[in-house]
């Protein structure tokens, strides 16, 4: 009769895989989200409006102090209008503080710093972005909250 007991040496790789594979997958997803945000920053700063809007889900609800809640169409129109403004140049700097991934949802705590020239205006905007992995496999923002830094 064959011995059906699992030898501890055979069990160890299974336990290690069960423990480390989810963490590795989460790190991969965090890296994918970070890459999306960094690419968005590059696209925005280069004035590319089409890929700028692709970061957002069609189901977007964005809340920015003084603007209320806006959906995808309104948010993309504001971004496109800013990029098309010949009198001003907008430049964003990104500072990601934290990315938490759980399944197909992720939360990103970050700060955007916007520089507007020739007005020499700088706006520091901490915020929270909620991402969802959509049917095409891309992470997109479905909700975000942005507010002015109190400093």
N, C-alpha and C. Protein backbone atom coordinates (compact mmCIF):
# COMPACT_ATOMS: atom_id res chain seq x y z
N UNK A 1 0.85 -1.17 0.00
CA UNK A 1 0.00 0.00 0.00
C UNK A 1 0.90 1.23 0.00
N UNK A 2 0.63 2.22 -0.91
CA UNK A 2 1.47 3.41 -0.99
C UNK A 2 1.27 4.32 0.21
N UNK A 3 2.34 4.99 0.56
CA UNK A 3 2.31 5.95 1.68
C UNK A 3 1.68 7.25 1.17
N UNK A 4 0.54 7.64 1.71
CA UNK A 4 -0.16 8.85 1.26
C UNK A 4 0.16 10.06 2.10
N UNK A 5 0.95 9.89 3.13
CA UNK A 5 1.32 11.03 3.98
C UNK A 5 2.27 11.95 3.22
N UNK A 6 2.07 13.24 3.32
CA UNK A 6 2.92 14.23 2.66
C UNK A 6 4.15 14.45 3.52
N UNK A 7 5.29 14.29 2.93
CA UNK A 7 6.56 14.52 3.63
C UNK A 7 6.71 16.03 3.85
N UNK A 8 7.18 16.47 5.01
CA UNK A 8 7.32 17.91 5.28
C UNK A 8 8.16 18.63 4.25
N UNK A 9 9.17 17.99 3.69
CA UNK A 9 10.01 18.65 2.68
C UNK A 9 9.22 18.95 1.41
N UNK A 10 8.21 18.15 1.12
CA UNK A 10 7.36 18.40 -0.06
C UNK A 10 6.31 19.47 0.24
N UNK A 11 5.93 19.59 1.48
CA UNK A 11 4.92 20.55 1.87
C UNK A 11 5.47 21.98 1.91
N UNK A 12 6.73 22.13 2.24
CA UNK A 12 7.33 23.46 2.38
C UNK A 12 7.21 24.31 1.12
N UNK A 13 7.55 23.81 -0.08
CA UNK A 13 7.40 24.66 -1.27
C UNK A 13 5.96 25.10 -1.52
N UNK A 14 5.02 24.24 -1.21
CA UNK A 14 3.60 24.59 -1.39
C UNK A 14 3.21 25.72 -0.44
N UNK A 15 3.64 25.61 0.80
CA UNK A 15 3.33 26.66 1.77
C UNK A 15 4.01 27.97 1.41
N UNK A 16 5.26 27.89 0.98
CA UNK A 16 5.97 29.11 0.59
C UNK A 16 5.32 29.77 -0.62
N UNK A 17 4.91 28.97 -1.58
CA UNK A 17 4.24 29.52 -2.77
C UNK A 17 2.92 30.17 -2.39
N UNK A 18 2.17 29.53 -1.51
CA UNK A 18 0.89 30.10 -1.08
C UNK A 18 1.08 31.43 -0.36
N UNK A 19 2.19 31.57 0.34
CA UNK A 19 2.45 32.79 1.09
C UNK A 19 3.01 33.90 0.21
N UNK A 20 3.96 33.57 -0.67
CA UNK A 20 4.67 34.60 -1.42
C UNK A 20 4.05 34.95 -2.77
N UNK A 21 3.34 34.05 -3.42
CA UNK A 21 2.78 34.36 -4.73
C UNK A 21 1.76 35.49 -4.69
N UNK A 22 0.83 35.52 -3.72
CA UNK A 22 -0.08 36.68 -3.69
C UNK A 22 0.66 38.00 -3.48
N UNK A 23 1.68 38.01 -2.66
CA UNK A 23 2.45 39.24 -2.43
C UNK A 23 3.17 39.65 -3.71
N UNK A 24 3.70 38.68 -4.45
CA UNK A 24 4.38 38.99 -5.72
C UNK A 24 3.39 39.53 -6.74
N UNK A 25 2.20 38.92 -6.80
CA UNK A 25 1.18 39.40 -7.74
C UNK A 25 0.75 40.81 -7.37
N UNK A 26 0.60 41.08 -6.08
CA UNK A 26 0.22 42.41 -5.63
C UNK A 26 1.31 43.42 -5.98
N UNK A 27 2.56 43.04 -5.83
CA UNK A 27 3.67 43.94 -6.19
C UNK A 27 3.66 44.23 -7.69
N UNK A 28 3.35 43.20 -8.50
CA UNK A 28 3.26 43.41 -9.95
C UNK A 28 2.14 44.39 -10.29
N UNK A 29 0.99 44.26 -9.63
CA UNK A 29 -0.13 45.16 -9.89
C UNK A 29 0.19 46.57 -9.42
N UNK A 30 0.85 46.69 -8.29
CA UNK A 30 1.27 48.02 -7.82
C UNK A 30 2.21 48.66 -8.82
N UNK A 31 3.12 47.87 -9.36
CA UNK A 31 4.06 48.39 -10.37
C UNK A 31 3.31 48.81 -11.64
N UNK A 32 2.29 48.06 -12.02
CA UNK A 32 1.50 48.41 -13.21
C UNK A 32 0.76 49.73 -13.00
N UNK A 33 0.21 49.92 -11.81
CA UNK A 33 -0.50 51.16 -11.50
C UNK A 33 0.48 52.33 -11.46
N UNK A 34 1.61 52.12 -10.83
CA UNK A 34 2.65 53.17 -10.78
C UNK A 34 3.06 53.55 -12.21
N UNK A 35 3.24 52.56 -13.06
CA UNK A 35 3.63 52.82 -14.46
C UNK A 35 2.54 53.61 -15.19
N UNK A 36 1.27 53.30 -14.93
CA UNK A 36 0.16 54.04 -15.56
C UNK A 36 0.21 55.51 -15.13
N UNK A 37 0.42 55.75 -13.85
CA UNK A 37 0.46 57.13 -13.35
C UNK A 37 1.68 57.88 -13.90
N UNK A 38 2.81 57.21 -13.95
CA UNK A 38 4.01 57.86 -14.50
C UNK A 38 3.85 58.15 -15.98
N UNK A 39 3.23 57.22 -16.72
CA UNK A 39 2.99 57.45 -18.15
C UNK A 39 2.01 58.61 -18.34
N UNK A 40 0.98 58.67 -17.48
CA UNK A 40 0.02 59.77 -17.55
C UNK A 40 0.74 61.10 -17.37
N UNK A 41 1.63 61.15 -16.38
CA UNK A 41 2.39 62.38 -16.13
C UNK A 41 3.19 62.77 -17.37
N UNK A 42 3.87 61.81 -17.96
CA UNK A 42 4.65 62.08 -19.19
C UNK A 42 3.75 62.56 -20.32
N UNK A 43 2.60 61.89 -20.51
CA UNK A 43 1.67 62.27 -21.58
C UNK A 43 1.11 63.67 -21.35
N UNK A 44 0.70 63.96 -20.12
CA UNK A 44 0.16 65.28 -19.82
C UNK A 44 1.21 66.35 -20.08
N UNK A 45 2.40 66.14 -19.55
CA UNK A 45 3.46 67.15 -19.69
C UNK A 45 3.90 67.34 -21.13
N UNK A 46 3.67 66.32 -21.97
CA UNK A 46 3.99 66.43 -23.40
C UNK A 46 2.80 66.94 -24.22
N UNK A 47 1.65 67.17 -23.55
CA UNK A 47 0.48 67.72 -24.24
C UNK A 47 -0.32 66.71 -25.04
N UNK A 48 -0.19 65.42 -24.73
CA UNK A 48 -0.92 64.37 -25.46
C UNK A 48 -2.27 64.12 -24.76
N UNK A 49 -3.35 64.68 -25.31
CA UNK A 49 -4.64 64.62 -24.62
C UNK A 49 -5.32 63.26 -24.70
N UNK A 50 -5.20 62.54 -25.81
CA UNK A 50 -5.91 61.26 -25.92
C UNK A 50 -5.45 60.25 -24.86
N UNK A 51 -4.15 60.00 -24.71
CA UNK A 51 -3.76 59.06 -23.66
C UNK A 51 -4.01 59.60 -22.25
N UNK A 52 -4.08 60.92 -22.10
CA UNK A 52 -4.38 61.49 -20.79
C UNK A 52 -5.76 61.04 -20.33
N UNK A 53 -6.73 61.05 -21.22
CA UNK A 53 -8.09 60.64 -20.85
C UNK A 53 -8.20 59.14 -20.63
N UNK A 54 -7.31 58.35 -21.23
CA UNK A 54 -7.38 56.89 -21.11
C UNK A 54 -7.08 56.39 -19.70
N UNK A 55 -6.52 57.22 -18.85
CA UNK A 55 -6.26 56.79 -17.47
C UNK A 55 -7.57 56.65 -16.68
N UNK A 56 -8.62 57.29 -17.17
CA UNK A 56 -9.89 57.34 -16.43
C UNK A 56 -10.91 56.38 -17.01
N UNK A 57 -11.65 55.73 -16.13
CA UNK A 57 -12.76 54.87 -16.52
C UNK A 57 -13.90 55.74 -17.04
N UNK A 58 -14.69 55.18 -17.92
CA UNK A 58 -15.90 55.88 -18.39
C UNK A 58 -16.87 56.09 -17.23
N UNK A 59 -16.70 55.33 -16.15
CA UNK A 59 -17.55 55.44 -14.96
C UNK A 59 -16.96 56.37 -13.90
N UNK A 60 -15.99 57.18 -14.29
CA UNK A 60 -15.30 58.07 -13.36
C UNK A 60 -16.27 59.00 -12.63
N UNK A 61 -16.01 59.16 -11.34
CA UNK A 61 -16.57 60.26 -10.55
C UNK A 61 -15.37 60.90 -9.87
N UNK A 62 -15.11 62.16 -10.22
CA UNK A 62 -13.97 62.87 -9.64
C UNK A 62 -14.49 64.02 -8.80
N UNK A 63 -13.91 64.16 -7.62
CA UNK A 63 -14.31 65.22 -6.71
C UNK A 63 -13.11 66.10 -6.44
N UNK A 64 -13.22 67.35 -6.89
CA UNK A 64 -12.16 68.34 -6.70
C UNK A 64 -12.81 69.54 -6.03
N UNK A 65 -12.20 70.01 -4.96
CA UNK A 65 -12.76 71.15 -4.24
C UNK A 65 -12.98 72.32 -5.19
N UNK A 66 -14.17 72.88 -5.14
CA UNK A 66 -14.52 74.01 -5.99
C UNK A 66 -15.10 73.62 -7.34
N UNK A 67 -15.00 72.33 -7.70
CA UNK A 67 -15.54 71.87 -8.98
C UNK A 67 -16.70 70.90 -8.80
N UNK A 68 -16.90 70.39 -7.60
CA UNK A 68 -17.95 69.41 -7.39
C UNK A 68 -17.58 68.07 -8.00
N UNK A 69 -18.59 67.21 -8.14
CA UNK A 69 -18.39 65.89 -8.74
C UNK A 69 -18.51 65.99 -10.25
N UNK A 70 -17.51 65.46 -10.95
CA UNK A 70 -17.52 65.45 -12.41
C UNK A 70 -17.29 64.04 -12.91
N UNK A 71 -17.90 63.74 -14.06
CA UNK A 71 -17.72 62.44 -14.69
C UNK A 71 -16.62 62.47 -15.73
N UNK A 72 -16.51 61.37 -16.45
CA UNK A 72 -15.44 61.19 -17.44
C UNK A 72 -15.43 62.30 -18.49
N UNK A 73 -16.57 62.57 -19.12
CA UNK A 73 -16.60 63.56 -20.21
C UNK A 73 -16.17 64.94 -19.73
N UNK A 74 -16.70 65.37 -18.60
CA UNK A 74 -16.34 66.70 -18.08
C UNK A 74 -14.87 66.78 -17.68
N UNK A 75 -14.37 65.73 -17.01
CA UNK A 75 -12.97 65.74 -16.57
C UNK A 75 -12.04 65.76 -17.78
N UNK A 76 -12.33 64.96 -18.80
CA UNK A 76 -11.48 64.94 -19.99
C UNK A 76 -11.55 66.26 -20.75
N UNK A 77 -12.71 66.88 -20.75
CA UNK A 77 -12.84 68.18 -21.42
C UNK A 77 -11.97 69.23 -20.73
N UNK A 78 -11.96 69.22 -19.41
CA UNK A 78 -11.13 70.16 -18.66
C UNK A 78 -9.65 69.92 -18.95
N UNK A 79 -9.24 68.67 -18.93
CA UNK A 79 -7.83 68.35 -19.21
C UNK A 79 -7.44 68.73 -20.63
N UNK A 80 -8.30 68.40 -21.59
CA UNK A 80 -8.01 68.71 -22.99
C UNK A 80 -7.94 70.21 -23.22
N UNK A 81 -8.88 70.94 -22.62
CA UNK A 81 -8.89 72.39 -22.74
C UNK A 81 -7.60 72.99 -22.16
N UNK A 82 -7.16 72.46 -21.03
CA UNK A 82 -5.91 72.94 -20.42
C UNK A 82 -4.73 72.69 -21.34
N UNK A 83 -4.67 71.49 -21.90
CA UNK A 83 -3.54 71.14 -22.78
C UNK A 83 -3.55 71.95 -24.07
N UNK A 84 -4.74 72.35 -24.52
CA UNK A 84 -4.86 73.11 -25.78
C UNK A 84 -4.73 74.62 -25.58
N UNK A 85 -4.59 75.08 -24.36
CA UNK A 85 -4.51 76.51 -24.07
C UNK A 85 -3.15 77.06 -24.51
N UNK A 86 -3.12 77.90 -25.56
CA UNK A 86 -1.84 78.41 -26.05
C UNK A 86 -1.20 79.45 -25.13
N UNK A 87 -1.99 80.02 -24.21
CA UNK A 87 -1.48 81.09 -23.35
C UNK A 87 -0.79 80.55 -22.09
N UNK A 88 -1.01 79.26 -21.80
CA UNK A 88 -0.45 78.70 -20.56
C UNK A 88 0.19 77.35 -20.82
N UNK A 89 1.16 77.05 -19.98
CA UNK A 89 1.79 75.74 -20.01
C UNK A 89 1.57 75.10 -18.65
N UNK A 90 1.05 73.87 -18.67
CA UNK A 90 0.78 73.13 -17.44
C UNK A 90 1.77 71.98 -17.33
N UNK A 91 2.30 71.80 -16.14
CA UNK A 91 3.27 70.73 -15.92
C UNK A 91 2.98 70.09 -14.56
N UNK A 92 2.81 68.77 -14.54
CA UNK A 92 2.55 68.05 -13.30
C UNK A 92 3.79 67.31 -12.82
N UNK A 93 3.97 67.27 -11.51
CA UNK A 93 4.95 66.39 -10.86
C UNK A 93 4.16 65.45 -9.95
N UNK A 94 4.55 64.19 -9.95
CA UNK A 94 3.84 63.14 -9.24
C UNK A 94 4.66 62.65 -8.05
N UNK A 95 3.98 62.48 -6.92
CA UNK A 95 4.60 61.89 -5.74
C UNK A 95 3.64 60.85 -5.18
N UNK A 96 3.96 59.57 -5.40
CA UNK A 96 3.11 58.48 -4.92
C UNK A 96 3.55 58.11 -3.51
N UNK A 97 2.60 58.14 -2.58
CA UNK A 97 2.90 57.82 -1.19
C UNK A 97 2.63 56.36 -0.86
N UNK A 98 1.58 55.80 -1.49
CA UNK A 98 1.16 54.46 -1.10
C UNK A 98 0.25 53.89 -2.18
N UNK A 99 0.41 52.60 -2.45
CA UNK A 99 -0.49 51.88 -3.35
C UNK A 99 -0.94 50.62 -2.62
N UNK A 100 -2.25 50.46 -2.48
CA UNK A 100 -2.82 49.27 -1.85
C UNK A 100 -3.67 48.57 -2.90
N UNK A 101 -3.36 47.30 -3.16
CA UNK A 101 -4.09 46.53 -4.16
C UNK A 101 -4.83 45.40 -3.48
N UNK A 102 -6.10 45.23 -3.82
CA UNK A 102 -6.90 44.13 -3.32
C UNK A 102 -7.79 43.65 -4.47
N UNK A 103 -7.39 42.55 -5.07
CA UNK A 103 -8.16 42.02 -6.20
C UNK A 103 -8.10 42.97 -7.39
N UNK A 104 -9.29 43.33 -7.89
CA UNK A 104 -9.39 44.22 -9.06
C UNK A 104 -9.57 45.68 -8.67
N UNK A 105 -9.38 46.00 -7.40
CA UNK A 105 -9.45 47.39 -6.93
C UNK A 105 -8.12 47.78 -6.28
N UNK A 106 -7.80 49.05 -6.39
CA UNK A 106 -6.58 49.56 -5.77
C UNK A 106 -6.83 50.99 -5.32
N UNK A 107 -6.15 51.38 -4.26
CA UNK A 107 -6.23 52.74 -3.75
C UNK A 107 -4.81 53.32 -3.77
N UNK A 108 -4.70 54.53 -4.30
CA UNK A 108 -3.41 55.20 -4.38
C UNK A 108 -3.51 56.52 -3.63
N UNK A 109 -2.62 56.69 -2.67
CA UNK A 109 -2.51 57.96 -1.96
C UNK A 109 -1.32 58.69 -2.57
N UNK A 110 -1.56 59.92 -3.04
CA UNK A 110 -0.54 60.62 -3.81
C UNK A 110 -0.67 62.12 -3.66
N UNK A 111 0.32 62.81 -4.19
CA UNK A 111 0.28 64.27 -4.26
C UNK A 111 0.69 64.68 -5.67
N UNK A 112 -0.15 65.50 -6.28
CA UNK A 112 0.17 66.12 -7.57
C UNK A 112 0.60 67.55 -7.30
N UNK A 113 1.67 67.96 -7.94
CA UNK A 113 2.08 69.36 -7.89
C UNK A 113 1.98 69.90 -9.30
N UNK A 114 1.14 70.91 -9.47
CA UNK A 114 0.90 71.52 -10.78
C UNK A 114 1.61 72.86 -10.86
N UNK A 115 2.38 73.02 -11.92
CA UNK A 115 3.07 74.28 -12.21
C UNK A 115 2.42 74.89 -13.44
N UNK A 116 2.00 76.15 -13.34
CA UNK A 116 1.36 76.84 -14.46
C UNK A 116 2.21 78.04 -14.82
N UNK A 117 2.65 78.08 -16.08
CA UNK A 117 3.42 79.23 -16.57
C UNK A 117 2.68 79.84 -17.74
N UNK A 118 2.77 81.10 -17.98
CA UNK A 118 3.67 82.08 -17.39
C UNK A 118 3.13 82.71 -16.11
N UNK A 119 2.07 82.19 -15.56
CA UNK A 119 1.49 82.79 -14.35
C UNK A 119 2.34 82.56 -13.10
N UNK A 120 3.29 81.63 -13.19
CA UNK A 120 4.12 81.26 -12.04
C UNK A 120 3.28 80.83 -10.84
N UNK A 121 2.29 79.99 -11.12
CA UNK A 121 1.41 79.45 -10.09
C UNK A 121 1.80 78.00 -9.83
N UNK A 122 1.85 77.64 -8.55
CA UNK A 122 2.10 76.26 -8.16
C UNK A 122 0.97 75.83 -7.24
N UNK A 123 0.35 74.69 -7.56
CA UNK A 123 -0.71 74.14 -6.73
C UNK A 123 -0.30 72.74 -6.28
N UNK A 124 -0.33 72.52 -4.97
CA UNK A 124 -0.02 71.21 -4.40
C UNK A 124 -1.35 70.56 -4.02
N UNK A 125 -1.62 69.39 -4.62
CA UNK A 125 -2.93 68.75 -4.47
C UNK A 125 -2.80 67.31 -4.01
N UNK A 126 -2.86 67.06 -2.69
CA UNK A 126 -2.91 65.68 -2.21
C UNK A 126 -4.22 65.04 -2.66
N UNK A 127 -4.22 63.73 -2.79
CA UNK A 127 -5.45 63.08 -3.20
C UNK A 127 -5.43 61.58 -3.00
N UNK A 128 -6.58 61.01 -3.28
CA UNK A 128 -6.79 59.56 -3.24
C UNK A 128 -7.40 59.17 -4.58
N UNK A 129 -6.78 58.21 -5.26
CA UNK A 129 -7.31 57.66 -6.50
C UNK A 129 -7.72 56.21 -6.25
N UNK A 130 -8.92 55.85 -6.71
CA UNK A 130 -9.38 54.47 -6.64
C UNK A 130 -9.34 53.92 -8.06
N UNK A 131 -8.55 52.88 -8.25
CA UNK A 131 -8.40 52.23 -9.55
C UNK A 131 -9.20 50.93 -9.59
N UNK A 132 -9.63 50.57 -10.80
CA UNK A 132 -10.23 49.26 -11.04
C UNK A 132 -9.57 48.68 -12.28
N UNK A 133 -9.28 47.38 -12.22
CA UNK A 133 -8.79 46.70 -13.41
C UNK A 133 -10.02 46.42 -14.28
N UNK A 134 -10.02 46.98 -15.49
CA UNK A 134 -11.19 46.87 -16.35
C UNK A 134 -11.08 45.67 -17.29
N UNK A 135 -12.11 45.44 -18.07
CA UNK A 135 -12.21 44.25 -18.92
C UNK A 135 -11.02 44.09 -19.86
N UNK A 136 -10.42 45.20 -20.29
CA UNK A 136 -9.27 45.12 -21.20
C UNK A 136 -7.95 44.87 -20.46
N UNK A 137 -8.03 44.71 -19.13
CA UNK A 137 -6.84 44.43 -18.32
C UNK A 137 -6.12 45.67 -17.82
N UNK A 138 -6.53 46.86 -18.27
CA UNK A 138 -5.88 48.09 -17.84
C UNK A 138 -6.48 48.58 -16.52
N UNK A 139 -5.60 49.15 -15.69
CA UNK A 139 -6.04 49.80 -14.47
C UNK A 139 -6.46 51.22 -14.83
N UNK A 140 -7.69 51.60 -14.43
CA UNK A 140 -8.19 52.95 -14.67
C UNK A 140 -8.79 53.51 -13.39
N UNK A 141 -8.76 54.83 -13.29
CA UNK A 141 -9.32 55.51 -12.13
C UNK A 141 -10.84 55.55 -12.27
N UNK A 142 -11.53 55.03 -11.24
CA UNK A 142 -12.99 55.09 -11.23
C UNK A 142 -13.50 56.18 -10.28
N UNK A 143 -12.70 56.51 -9.28
CA UNK A 143 -13.05 57.58 -8.34
C UNK A 143 -11.76 58.29 -7.94
N UNK A 144 -11.87 59.59 -7.76
CA UNK A 144 -10.75 60.27 -7.11
C UNK A 144 -11.22 61.49 -6.37
N UNK A 145 -10.46 61.79 -5.34
CA UNK A 145 -10.71 62.93 -4.47
C UNK A 145 -9.41 63.72 -4.43
N UNK A 146 -9.51 65.00 -4.75
CA UNK A 146 -8.33 65.87 -4.75
C UNK A 146 -8.67 67.12 -3.96
N UNK A 147 -7.73 67.58 -3.19
CA UNK A 147 -7.96 68.77 -2.37
C UNK A 147 -6.67 69.57 -2.30
N UNK A 148 -6.79 70.81 -1.89
CA UNK A 148 -5.61 71.68 -1.79
C UNK A 148 -4.85 71.39 -0.51
N UNK A 149 -3.54 71.44 -0.61
CA UNK A 149 -2.69 71.28 0.56
C UNK A 149 -2.91 72.47 1.48
N UNK A 150 -3.07 72.19 2.76
CA UNK A 150 -3.32 73.26 3.73
C UNK A 150 -2.08 74.05 4.09
N UNK A 151 -0.92 73.63 3.63
CA UNK A 151 0.33 74.34 3.98
C UNK A 151 0.55 75.56 3.12
